[in-house]
């Protein structure tokens, strides 16, 4: 069975996520860009239960910092919805 783009993306994301398990290494950021309903969220959500993962779909930057601070082993941030996060404005 030939490898599909979906399979290639799955393997790529798994390699990036695996770097979060290596001591002394930091996972590289990855931003998936594509049309609606193309499977971006499905791919990303596969890693929400990864060791050290913290998942966000809606939070302010302060909220993200607080959630990460509460999880001592946080090494991988899984965000499936940037539009909501960046739509928050900081009050002066």
Protein backbone atom coordinates (compact mmCIF):
# COMPACT_ATOMS: atom_id res chain seq x y z
CA UNK A 1 0.00 0.00 0.00
CA UNK A 2 1.55 3.35 -1.01
CA UNK A 3 2.26 6.01 1.60
CA UNK A 4 -0.24 8.86 1.48
CA UNK A 5 0.29 12.52 2.40
CA UNK A 6 -1.80 11.79 5.50
CA UNK A 7 0.62 9.00 6.51
CA UNK A 8 3.64 11.20 5.85
CA UNK A 9 2.21 14.00 7.98
CA UNK A 10 1.37 11.53 10.77
CA UNK A 11 4.93 10.22 10.78
CA UNK A 12 6.40 13.73 10.73
CA UNK A 13 4.26 14.87 13.68
CA UNK A 14 5.14 11.70 15.62
CA UNK A 15 8.85 12.42 15.16
CA UNK A 16 8.40 16.02 16.35
CA UNK A 17 6.37 14.85 19.36
CA UNK A 18 8.97 12.18 20.17
CA UNK A 19 11.64 14.86 20.53
CA UNK A 20 9.71 16.12 23.57
CA UNK A 21 10.61 12.85 25.30
CA UNK A 22 14.37 13.29 24.80
CA UNK A 23 16.13 14.78 27.78
CA UNK A 24 17.81 18.07 26.94
CA UNK A 25 15.90 18.50 23.69
CA UNK A 26 13.03 20.84 22.84
CA UNK A 27 10.39 19.88 20.26
CA UNK A 28 10.31 22.15 17.25
CA UNK A 29 7.16 24.19 16.66
CA UNK A 30 4.91 23.04 13.84
CA UNK A 31 2.03 25.02 12.37
CA UNK A 32 -0.35 23.14 10.10
CA UNK A 33 -2.02 25.33 7.51
CA UNK A 34 -4.75 24.09 5.24
CA UNK A 35 -8.36 24.57 4.22
CA UNK A 36 -11.21 23.86 6.65
CA UNK A 37 -12.03 20.16 7.14
CA UNK A 38 -8.66 19.00 5.80
CA UNK A 39 -7.81 17.00 8.94
CA UNK A 40 -5.43 19.38 10.72
CA UNK A 41 -7.24 19.14 14.07
CA UNK A 42 -7.60 15.36 13.79
CA UNK A 43 -3.84 15.02 13.29
CA UNK A 44 -2.97 17.36 16.17
CA UNK A 45 -5.47 15.86 18.63
CA UNK A 46 -3.74 12.49 18.27
CA UNK A 47 -1.04 13.89 20.55
CA UNK A 48 -3.20 15.38 23.32
CA UNK A 49 -2.51 12.37 25.59
CA UNK A 50 1.19 12.20 24.73
CA UNK A 51 3.43 12.19 27.86
CA UNK A 52 4.03 15.80 28.89
CA UNK A 53 1.42 17.19 26.50
CA UNK A 54 -0.82 20.11 27.42
CA UNK A 55 -3.80 20.69 25.09
CA UNK A 56 -5.42 24.04 24.42
CA UNK A 57 -8.27 24.96 22.15
CA UNK A 58 -9.18 28.24 23.78
CA UNK A 59 -7.17 30.22 26.31
CA UNK A 60 -5.58 33.60 26.79
CA UNK A 61 -1.79 33.83 26.84
CA UNK A 62 -1.98 34.24 30.63
CA UNK A 63 -4.23 31.18 30.85
CA UNK A 64 -1.76 29.14 28.81
CA UNK A 65 1.10 30.16 31.10
CA UNK A 66 -0.94 29.22 34.17
CA UNK A 67 -1.93 25.80 32.77
CA UNK A 68 1.63 24.98 31.73
CA UNK A 69 2.95 26.08 35.15
CA UNK A 70 0.49 23.67 36.83
CA UNK A 71 1.81 20.72 34.84
CA UNK A 72 5.41 20.17 35.94
CA UNK A 73 6.18 17.73 33.11
CA UNK A 74 4.80 19.97 30.32
CA UNK A 75 6.99 19.49 27.26
CA UNK A 76 4.56 19.59 24.34
CA UNK A 77 1.80 22.13 23.69
CA UNK A 78 -1.02 20.85 21.50
CA UNK A 79 -3.22 23.64 20.13
CA UNK A 80 -5.90 22.81 17.61
CA UNK A 81 -7.58 26.19 17.30
CA UNK A 82 -5.42 29.30 16.98
CA UNK A 83 -8.21 31.61 15.86
CA UNK A 84 -9.87 31.47 19.28
CA UNK A 85 -6.59 31.98 21.15
CA UNK A 86 -5.50 34.98 19.08
CA UNK A 87 -8.94 36.56 19.10
CA UNK A 88 -8.57 37.36 22.81
CA UNK A 89 -7.46 40.92 23.46
CA UNK A 90 -5.51 41.96 26.47
CA UNK A 91 -7.30 44.50 28.63
CA UNK A 92 -5.25 47.56 29.58
